[in-house]
Amino acid sequence: MRVRGVRMRSAILAGTALLATVSLAAVPALAASNLVANPSGVGGKVTGWAAPSGWGPLTGVQVHGTWWFHWVSNNVQSHTPGPGSAWYSYTMANLSPGQTISCGFKAMGSGTIAQDIWTGNNGGDHLTAPVALSSTPKVFTETEKVGAKPWPGPPQVQVRYQNQTGNLNIYFTDVTCVLGSSVTLVADTSAAAATGAGGKTTAAATTPKKPAASLPKTGGGILPLIGGLAAVAGGLGLLPRRRSRR
């Protein structure tokens, strides 16, 4: 009887521990708050994004069901008298000197661009290595520390090109800035952008893939929970049965 009691208690404890583990795994990790309130131009809105006049229009468009900002830069202001520079920027509010911010986005199209975190001071602009765009989305990420005040203006994340000529056809999306030293993005579309005849932009005919989430997901399904319940039930089955009196 003593051995049976020990086995019974061990089974119950094992089942309870498994249930606790499953319960914790089923709770998704909280995503860090994005400092960019309009990361993808959903609904065609470009609220919060700005550029000096004449650096080309910015619109929100859908390509194979995914929202992208579309920037066509073809104005002489950004290319004359020679290779020029231009950017679209989003200002991040409520940041303090010394805070670390990490930003990223995905981009495709034509032209060579970089990501720029403008920290407000300490040199101001911090650009990633330039990347030539194509129909395959490229991922840009970087981490910087907010500079000391007084600022000429609050910190910004910028989609930027340097020393470029000709017309640029840029699509970017999933712009994410978070406090801390890392941000994770996933190139979640196979949509391709191309420039058609006469300078009109068209979407290349490709088979879309189901978009993946920008941040990793955690959690468990129902099967581990069923397994945990079964373990507890098995433990309870070891309880001694009351003998009926005759």
C-alpha atoms as a PDB file:
ATOM      1  CA  MET A   1       0.000   0.000   0.000  1.00  0.00           C
ATOM      2  CA  ARG A   2       2.839   2.409   0.805  1.00  0.00           C
ATOM      3  CA  VAL A   3       4.457   1.849  -2.619  1.00  0.00           C
ATOM      4  CA  ARG A   4       1.118   2.386  -4.303  1.00  0.00           C
ATOM      5  CA  GLY A   5       0.629   5.655  -2.420  1.00  0.00           C
ATOM      6  CA  VAL A   6       4.043   6.936  -3.491  1.00  0.00           C
ATOM      7  CA  ARG A   7       3.282   6.103  -7.131  1.00  0.00           C
ATOM      8  CA  MET A   8      -0.074   7.834  -6.887  1.00  0.00           C
ATOM      9  CA  ARG A   9       1.425  11.047  -5.483  1.00  0.00           C
ATOM     10  CA  SER A  10       4.227  11.025  -8.092  1.00  0.00           C
ATOM     11  CA  ALA A  11       1.715  10.711 -10.951  1.00  0.00           C
ATOM     12  CA  ILE A  12      -0.421  13.554  -9.609  1.00  0.00           C
ATOM     13  CA  LEU A  13       2.597  15.832  -9.154  1.00  0.00           C
ATOM     14  CA  ALA A  14       3.875  15.049 -12.665  1.00  0.00           C
ATOM     15  CA  GLY A  15       0.501  15.810 -14.214  1.00  0.00           C
ATOM     16  CA  THR A  16       0.156  19.061 -12.290  1.00  0.00           C
ATOM     17  CA  ALA A  17       3.629  20.207 -13.341  1.00  0.00           C
ATOM     18  CA  LEU A  18       2.857  19.405 -16.980  1.00  0.00           C
ATOM     19  CA  LEU A  19      -0.363  21.414 -16.857  1.00  0.00           C
ATOM     20  CA  ALA A  20       1.474  24.390 -15.366  1.00  0.00           C
ATOM     21  CA  THR A  21       4.096  24.216 -18.129  1.00  0.00           C
ATOM     22  CA  VAL A  22       1.441  24.036 -20.846  1.00  0.00           C
ATOM     23  CA  SER A  23      -0.446  26.964 -19.338  1.00  0.00           C
ATOM     24  CA  LEU A  24       2.654  29.155 -19.389  1.00  0.00           C
ATOM     25  CA  ALA A  25       3.571  28.116 -22.948  1.00  0.00           C
ATOM     26  CA  ALA A  26       0.077  28.950 -24.189  1.00  0.00           C
ATOM     27  CA  VAL A  27       0.438  32.602 -23.187  1.00  0.00           C
ATOM     28  CA  PRO A  28       1.983  34.530 -26.123  1.00  0.00           C
ATOM     29  CA  ALA A  29       4.956  36.770 -25.463  1.00  0.00           C
ATOM     30  CA  LEU A  30       4.074  40.443 -25.438  1.00  0.00           C
ATOM     31  CA  ALA A  31       5.428  42.286 -28.466  1.00  0.00           C
ATOM     32  CA  ALA A  32       7.387  45.456 -27.877  1.00  0.00           C
ATOM     33  CA  SER A  33       5.453  48.633 -28.625  1.00  0.00           C
ATOM     34  CA  ASN A  34       6.153  50.017 -32.092  1.00  0.00           C
ATOM     35  CA  LEU A  35       7.177  53.684 -32.058  1.00  0.00           C
ATOM     36  CA  VAL A  36       5.945  53.988 -35.654  1.00  0.00           C
ATOM     37  CA  ALA A  37       2.162  54.301 -35.596  1.00  0.00           C
ATOM     38  CA  ASN A  38       1.807  53.989 -39.377  1.00  0.00           C
ATOM     39  CA  PRO A  39       4.239  51.247 -40.461  1.00  0.00           C
ATOM     40  CA  SER A  40       2.713  50.047 -43.730  1.00  0.00           C
ATOM     41  CA  GLY A  41       0.388  52.631 -45.286  1.00  0.00           C
ATOM     42  CA  VAL A  42      -2.713  50.569 -44.586  1.00  0.00           C
ATOM     43  CA  GLY A  43      -5.776  52.018 -46.278  1.00  0.00           C
ATOM     44  CA  GLY A  44      -3.571  54.245 -48.419  1.00  0.00           C
ATOM     45  CA  LYS A  45      -2.743  56.534 -45.483  1.00  0.00           C
ATOM     46  CA  VAL A  46       0.695  58.144 -45.206  1.00  0.00           C
ATOM     47  CA  THR A  47       0.042  59.925 -41.892  1.00  0.00           C
ATOM     48  CA  GLY A  48       3.224  60.711 -39.970  1.00  0.00           C
ATOM     49  CA  TRP A  49       5.570  60.417 -42.972  1.00  0.00           C
ATOM     50  CA  ALA A  50       7.152  63.547 -44.417  1.00  0.00           C
ATOM     51  CA  ALA A  51       9.762  64.719 -46.928  1.00  0.00           C
ATOM     52  CA  PRO A  52      10.838  68.093 -48.302  1.00  0.00           C
ATOM     53  CA  SER A  53       8.642  69.268 -51.152  1.00  0.00           C
ATOM     54  CA  GLY A  54       9.570  67.885 -54.554  1.00  0.00           C
ATOM     55  CA  TRP A  55      11.229  64.668 -53.429  1.00  0.00           C
ATOM     56  CA  GLY A  56       8.526  62.544 -55.009  1.00  0.00           C
ATOM     57  CA  PRO A  57       5.074  61.427 -53.875  1.00  0.00           C
ATOM     58  CA  LEU A  58       4.421  58.805 -51.197  1.00  0.00           C
ATOM     59  CA  THR A  59       1.267  56.682 -51.355  1.00  0.00           C
ATOM     60  CA  GLY A  60      -0.064  53.573 -49.657  1.00  0.00           C
ATOM     61  CA  VAL A  61      -0.715  50.711 -52.078  1.00  0.00           C
ATOM     62  CA  GLN A  62      -1.516  47.023 -51.997  1.00  0.00           C
ATOM     63  CA  VAL A  63       0.667  44.517 -53.816  1.00  0.00           C
ATOM     64  CA  HIS A  64      -0.808  41.012 -53.831  1.00  0.00           C
ATOM     65  CA  GLY A  65      -2.802  41.769 -50.703  1.00  0.00           C
ATOM     66  CA  THR A  66       0.034  43.305 -48.677  1.00  0.00           C
ATOM     67  CA  TRP A  67       0.165  47.040 -47.900  1.00  0.00           C
ATOM     68  CA  TRP A  68       3.289  48.978 -48.861  1.00  0.00           C
ATOM     69  CA  PHE A  69       4.385  52.587 -48.975  1.00  0.00           C
ATOM     70  CA  HIS A  70       5.203  53.476 -52.570  1.00  0.00           C
ATOM     71  CA  TRP A  71       7.721  56.243 -53.151  1.00  0.00           C
ATOM     72  CA  VAL A  72       8.454  57.415 -56.696  1.00  0.00           C
ATOM     73  CA  SER A  73      11.369  59.858 -56.636  1.00  0.00           C
ATOM     74  CA  ASN A  74      11.815  61.469 -60.030  1.00  0.00           C
ATOM     75  CA  ASN A  75      12.026  65.196 -59.298  1.00  0.00           C
ATOM     76  CA  VAL A  76      15.092  67.238 -60.259  1.00  0.00           C
ATOM     77  CA  GLN A  77      15.321  68.658 -56.731  1.00  0.00           C
ATOM     78  CA  SER A  78      16.762  65.397 -55.447  1.00  0.00           C
ATOM     79  CA  HIS A  79      18.994  64.631 -58.464  1.00  0.00           C
ATOM     80  CA  THR A  80      20.426  67.949 -59.697  1.00  0.00           C
ATOM     81  CA  PRO A  81      23.140  69.190 -60.189  1.00  0.00           C
ATOM     82  CA  GLY A  82      24.377  65.602 -59.974  1.00  0.00           C
ATOM     83  CA  PRO A  83      23.788  62.465 -57.910  1.00  0.00           C
ATOM     84  CA  GLY A  84      21.450  63.478 -55.141  1.00  0.00           C
ATOM     85  CA  SER A  85      20.014  62.378 -51.815  1.00  0.00           C
ATOM     86  CA  ALA A  86      16.456  62.264 -50.497  1.00  0.00           C
ATOM     87  CA  TRP A  87      14.440  60.587 -47.777  1.00  0.00           C
ATOM     88  CA  TYR A  88      11.046  60.023 -46.226  1.00  0.00           C
ATOM     89  CA  SER A  89      11.089  60.248 -42.451  1.00  0.00           C
ATOM     90  CA  TYR A  90       8.911  59.390 -39.466  1.00  0.00           C
ATOM     91  CA  THR A  91       9.454  61.338 -36.234  1.00  0.00           C
ATOM     92  CA  MET A  92       9.439  59.295 -33.029  1.00  0.00           C
ATOM     93  CA  ALA A  93       7.963  61.107 -30.045  1.00  0.00           C
ATOM     94  CA  ASN A  94       8.525  60.699 -26.290  1.00  0.00           C
ATOM     95  CA  LEU A  95      12.142  59.576 -26.502  1.00  0.00           C
ATOM     96  CA  SER A  96      14.850  60.640 -24.057  1.00  0.00           C
ATOM     97  CA  PRO A  97      18.608  61.109 -24.428  1.00  0.00           C
ATOM     98  CA  GLY A  98      20.536  57.901 -23.820  1.00  0.00           C
ATOM     99  CA  GLN A  99      17.699  55.539 -24.775  1.00  0.00           C
ATOM    100  CA  THR A 100      18.560  52.771 -27.245  1.00  0.00           C
ATOM    101  CA  ILE A 101      16.249  52.328 -30.226  1.00  0.00           C
ATOM    102  CA  SER A 102      16.277  49.597 -32.851  1.00  0.00           C
ATOM    103  CA  CYS A 103      14.542  50.053 -36.208  1.00  0.00           C
ATOM    104  CA  GLY A 104      13.917  48.010 -39.307  1.00  0.00           C
ATOM    105  CA  PHE A 105      11.786  47.728 -42.432  1.00  0.00           C
ATOM    106  CA  LYS A 106      11.427  45.738 -45.646  1.00  0.00           C
ATOM    107  CA  ALA A 107      11.858  47.242 -49.114  1.00  0.00           C
ATOM    108  CA  MET A 108      11.758  46.258 -52.783  1.00  0.00           C
ATOM    109  CA  GLY A 109      11.672  48.006 -56.155  1.00  0.00           C
ATOM    110  CA  SER A 110      14.477  49.814 -57.976  1.00  0.00           C
ATOM    111  CA  GLY A 111      17.269  52.079 -56.745  1.00  0.00           C
ATOM    112  CA  THR A 112      19.801  51.821 -53.946  1.00  0.00           C
ATOM    113  CA  ILE A 113      18.626  52.839 -50.464  1.00  0.00           C
ATOM    114  CA  ALA A 114      19.612  52.695 -46.799  1.00  0.00           C
ATOM    115  CA  GLN A 115      17.932  53.038 -43.447  1.00  0.00           C
ATOM    116  CA  ASP A 116      18.837  56.100 -41.426  1.00  0.00           C
ATOM    117  CA  ILE A 117      18.207  56.602 -37.712  1.00  0.00           C
ATOM    118  CA  TRP A 118      18.602  60.292 -37.045  1.00  0.00           C
ATOM    119  CA  THR A 119      19.351  60.558 -33.335  1.00  0.00           C
ATOM    120  CA  GLY A 120      18.938  64.315 -32.969  1.00  0.00           C
ATOM    121  CA  ASN A 121      22.576  64.866 -32.078  1.00  0.00           C
ATOM    122  CA  ASN A 122      25.920  63.046 -31.867  1.00  0.00           C
ATOM    123  CA  GLY A 123      26.453  63.208 -35.600  1.00  0.00           C
ATOM    124  CA  GLY A 124      22.747  63.044 -36.344  1.00  0.00           C
ATOM    125  CA  ASP A 125      22.456  60.620 -39.263  1.00  0.00           C
ATOM    126  CA  HIS A 126      23.357  56.944 -38.867  1.00  0.00           C
ATOM    127  CA  LEU A 127      22.957  55.044 -42.139  1.00  0.00           C
ATOM    128  CA  THR A 128      23.056  51.336 -42.797  1.00  0.00           C
ATOM    129  CA  ALA A 129      25.084  50.018 -45.704  1.00  0.00           C
ATOM    130  CA  PRO A 130      23.361  50.872 -49.014  1.00  0.00           C
ATOM    131  CA  VAL A 131      21.403  48.035 -50.626  1.00  0.00           C
ATOM    132  CA  ALA A 132      20.312  47.762 -54.267  1.00  0.00           C
ATOM    133  CA  LEU A 133      16.605  46.936 -54.407  1.00  0.00           C
ATOM    134  CA  SER A 134      15.030  44.222 -56.530  1.00  0.00           C
ATOM    135  CA  SER A 135      11.719  42.374 -56.787  1.00  0.00           C
ATOM    136  CA  THR A 136      12.707  40.350 -53.712  1.00  0.00           C
ATOM    137  CA  PRO A 137      12.100  42.240 -50.434  1.00  0.00           C
ATOM    138  CA  LYS A 138      15.265  43.156 -48.535  1.00  0.00           C
ATOM    139  CA  VAL A 139      15.419  43.652 -44.764  1.00  0.00           C
ATOM    140  CA  PHE A 140      17.093  46.682 -43.152  1.00  0.00           C
ATOM    141  CA  THR A 141      17.834  46.851 -39.405  1.00  0.00           C
ATOM    142  CA  GLU A 142      20.039  48.931 -37.109  1.00  0.00           C
ATOM    143  CA  THR A 143      20.362  50.058 -33.499  1.00  0.00           C
ATOM    144  CA  GLU A 144      21.414  53.480 -32.225  1.00  0.00           C
ATOM    145  CA  LYS A 145      21.421  55.533 -29.032  1.00  0.00           C
ATOM    146  CA  VAL A 146      19.399  58.761 -28.772  1.00  0.00           C
ATOM    147  CA  GLY A 147      21.686  61.801 -28.630  1.00  0.00           C
ATOM    148  CA  ALA A 148      21.840  64.488 -25.983  1.00  0.00           C
ATOM    149  CA  LYS A 149      19.628  67.578 -26.014  1.00  0.00           C
ATOM    150  CA  PRO A 150      19.208  70.248 -27.194  1.00  0.00           C
ATOM    151  CA  TRP A 151      17.978  68.583 -30.381  1.00  0.00           C
ATOM    152  CA  PRO A 152      17.384  70.419 -33.621  1.00  0.00           C
ATOM    153  CA  GLY A 153      14.377  68.067 -33.665  1.00  0.00           C
ATOM    154  CA  PRO A 154      13.233  64.703 -32.233  1.00  0.00           C
ATOM    155  CA  PRO A 155      14.770  61.445 -33.484  1.00  0.00           C
ATOM    156  CA  GLN A 156      13.571  60.007 -36.799  1.00  0.00           C
ATOM    157  CA  VAL A 157      13.674  56.796 -38.794  1.00  0.00           C
ATOM    158  CA  GLN A 158      14.280  57.462 -42.489  1.00  0.00           C
ATOM    159  CA  VAL A 159      14.058  55.527 -45.737  1.00  0.00           C
ATOM    160  CA  ARG A 160      16.869  57.244 -47.619  1.00  0.00           C
ATOM    161  CA  TYR A 161      18.985  57.200 -50.742  1.00  0.00           C
ATOM    162  CA  GLN A 162      22.413  58.757 -51.237  1.00  0.00           C
ATOM    163  CA  ASN A 163      24.233  59.719 -54.444  1.00  0.00           C
ATOM    164  CA  GLN A 164      21.529  58.412 -56.767  1.00  0.00           C
ATOM    165  CA  THR A 165      20.486  59.532 -60.237  1.00  0.00           C
ATOM    166  CA  GLY A 166      17.503  58.670 -62.394  1.00  0.00           C
ATOM    167  CA  ASN A 167      14.054  57.604 -61.324  1.00  0.00           C
ATOM    168  CA  LEU A 168      13.681  55.515 -58.175  1.00  0.00           C
ATOM    169  CA  ASN A 169      10.709  53.231 -57.596  1.00  0.00           C
ATOM    170  CA  ILE A 170      10.709  52.250 -53.921  1.00  0.00           C
ATOM    171  CA  TYR A 171       8.272  50.094 -51.963  1.00  0.00           C
ATOM    172  CA  PHE A 172       8.749  49.760 -48.187  1.00  0.00           C
ATOM    173  CA  THR A 173       6.654  48.322 -45.376  1.00  0.00           C
ATOM    174  CA  ASP A 174       6.584  46.948 -41.823  1.00  0.00           C
ATOM    175  CA  VAL A 175       8.595  49.891 -40.472  1.00  0.00           C
ATOM    176  CA  THR A 176       9.251  48.992 -36.839  1.00  0.00           C
ATOM    177  CA  CYS A 177      11.128  50.911 -34.129  1.00  0.00           C
ATOM    178  CA  VAL A 178      11.316  49.628 -30.573  1.00  0.00           C
ATOM    179  CA  LEU A 179      13.149  50.553 -27.404  1.00  0.00           C
ATOM    180  CA  GLY A 180      16.037  48.192 -26.830  1.00  0.00           C
ATOM    181  CA  SER A 181      18.874  46.679 -28.763  1.00  0.00           C
ATOM    182  CA  SER A 182      17.112  44.472 -31.299  1.00  0.00           C
ATOM    183  CA  VAL A 183      14.145  44.336 -33.647  1.00  0.00           C
ATOM    184  CA  THR A 184      13.120  41.277 -35.660  1.00  0.00           C
ATOM    185  CA  LEU A 185      11.534  41.508 -39.083  1.00  0.00           C
ATOM    186  CA  VAL A 186      10.676  38.869 -41.630  1.00  0.00           C
ATOM    187  CA  ALA A 187      10.470  39.393 -45.397  1.00  0.00           C
ATOM    188  CA  ASP A 188       6.887  38.187 -45.600  1.00  0.00           C
ATOM    189  CA  THR A 189       5.888  38.561 -49.236  1.00  0.00           C
ATOM    190  CA  SER A 190       6.976  37.361 -52.651  1.00  0.00           C
ATOM    191  CA  ALA A 191       5.267  40.314 -54.324  1.00  0.00           C
ATOM    192  CA  ALA A 192       7.454  41.956 -56.948  1.00  0.00           C
ATOM    193  CA  ALA A 193       7.407  45.584 -58.032  1.00  0.00           C
ATOM    194  CA  ALA A 194       8.426  46.688 -61.509  1.00  0.00           C
ATOM    195  CA  THR A 195       8.424  49.884 -63.517  1.00  0.00           C
ATOM    196  CA  GLY A 196       6.311  49.706 -66.650  1.00  0.00           C
ATOM    197  CA  ALA A 197       6.474  51.670 -69.865  1.00  0.00           C
ATOM    198  CA  GLY A 198       6.019  55.395 -69.591  1.00  0.00           C
ATOM    199  CA  GLY A 199       7.170  55.430 -65.969  1.00  0.00           C
ATOM    200  CA  LYS A 200       3.987  53.768 -64.673  1.00  0.00           C
ATOM    201  CA  THR A 201       4.407  51.380 -61.803  1.00  0.00           C
ATOM    202  CA  THR A 202       2.935  47.910 -62.042  1.00  0.00           C
ATOM    203  CA  ALA A 203       2.985  44.798 -59.899  1.00  0.00           C
ATOM    204  CA  ALA A 204       4.738  41.838 -61.439  1.00  0.00           C
ATOM    205  CA  ALA A 205       2.645  38.708 -61.860  1.00  0.00           C
ATOM    206  CA  THR A 206       3.925  36.379 -59.183  1.00  0.00           C
ATOM    207  CA  THR A 207       2.239  33.821 -57.021  1.00  0.00           C
ATOM    208  CA  PRO A 208       1.760  35.372 -53.588  1.00  0.00           C
ATOM    209  CA  LYS A 209       2.723  33.566 -50.448  1.00  0.00           C
ATOM    210  CA  LYS A 210       0.752  33.802 -47.255  1.00  0.00           C
ATOM    211  CA  PRO A 211       2.333  36.687 -45.303  1.00  0.00           C
ATOM    212  CA  ALA A 212       4.253  35.710 -42.197  1.00  0.00           C
ATOM    213  CA  ALA A 213       4.042  37.664 -38.945  1.00  0.00           C
ATOM    214  CA  SER A 214       6.646  40.388 -38.389  1.00  0.00           C
ATOM    215  CA  LEU A 215       7.413  39.210 -34.870  1.00  0.00           C
ATOM    216  CA  PRO A 216       7.908  35.615 -33.796  1.00  0.00           C
ATOM    217  CA  LYS A 217       4.903  33.983 -32.198  1.00  0.00           C
ATOM    218  CA  THR A 218       4.905  31.711 -29.203  1.00  0.00           C
ATOM    219  CA  GLY A 219       2.264  29.462 -27.764  1.00  0.00           C
ATOM    220  CA  GLY A 220       0.997  25.902 -27.736  1.00  0.00           C
ATOM    221  CA  GLY A 221      -1.894  24.080 -29.287  1.00  0.00           C
ATOM    222  CA  ILE A 222      -4.636  22.007 -27.693  1.00  0.00           C
ATOM    223  CA  LEU A 223      -2.786  18.666 -27.879  1.00  0.00           C
ATOM    224  CA  PRO A 224      -0.306  19.421 -25.048  1.00  0.00           C
ATOM    225  CA  LEU A 225      -3.230  20.470 -22.877  1.00  0.00           C
ATOM    226  CA  ILE A 226      -5.060  17.210 -23.587  1.00  0.00           C
ATOM    227  CA  GLY A 227      -1.858  15.338 -22.764  1.00  0.00           C
ATOM    228  CA  GLY A 228      -1.581  17.126 -19.437  1.00  0.00           C
ATOM    229  CA  LEU A 229      -5.184  16.332 -18.540  1.00  0.00           C
ATOM    230  CA  ALA A 230      -4.596  12.705 -19.453  1.00  0.00           C
ATOM    231  CA  ALA A 231      -1.572  12.569 -17.166  1.00  0.00           C
ATOM    232  CA  VAL A 232      -3.578  13.903 -14.250  1.00  0.00           C
ATOM    233  CA  ALA A 233      -6.408  11.508 -15.006  1.00  0.00           C
ATOM    234  CA  GLY A 234      -3.921   8.642 -15.074  1.00  0.00           C
ATOM    235  CA  GLY A 235      -2.628   9.678 -11.695  1.00  0.00           C
ATOM    236  CA  LEU A 236      -6.103   9.826 -10.252  1.00  0.00           C
ATOM    237  CA  GLY A 237      -6.718   6.338 -11.603  1.00  0.00           C
ATOM    238  CA  LEU A 238      -4.081   5.057  -9.198  1.00  0.00           C
ATOM    239  CA  LEU A 239      -6.081   6.188  -6.193  1.00  0.00           C
ATOM    240  CA  PRO A 240      -7.177   3.275  -4.038  1.00  0.00           C
ATOM    241  CA  ARG A 241     -10.785   2.304  -4.673  1.00  0.00           C
ATOM    242  CA  ARG A 242     -13.195   1.965  -1.855  1.00  0.00           C
ATOM    243  CA  ARG A 243     -14.393  -1.543  -1.420  1.00  0.00           C
ATOM    244  CA  SER A 244     -18.101  -1.917  -1.244  1.00  0.00           C
ATOM    245  CA  ARG A 245     -19.459  -3.588   1.804  1.00  0.00           C
ATOM    246  CA  ARG A 246     -21.575  -6.617   1.370  1.00  0.00           C
END
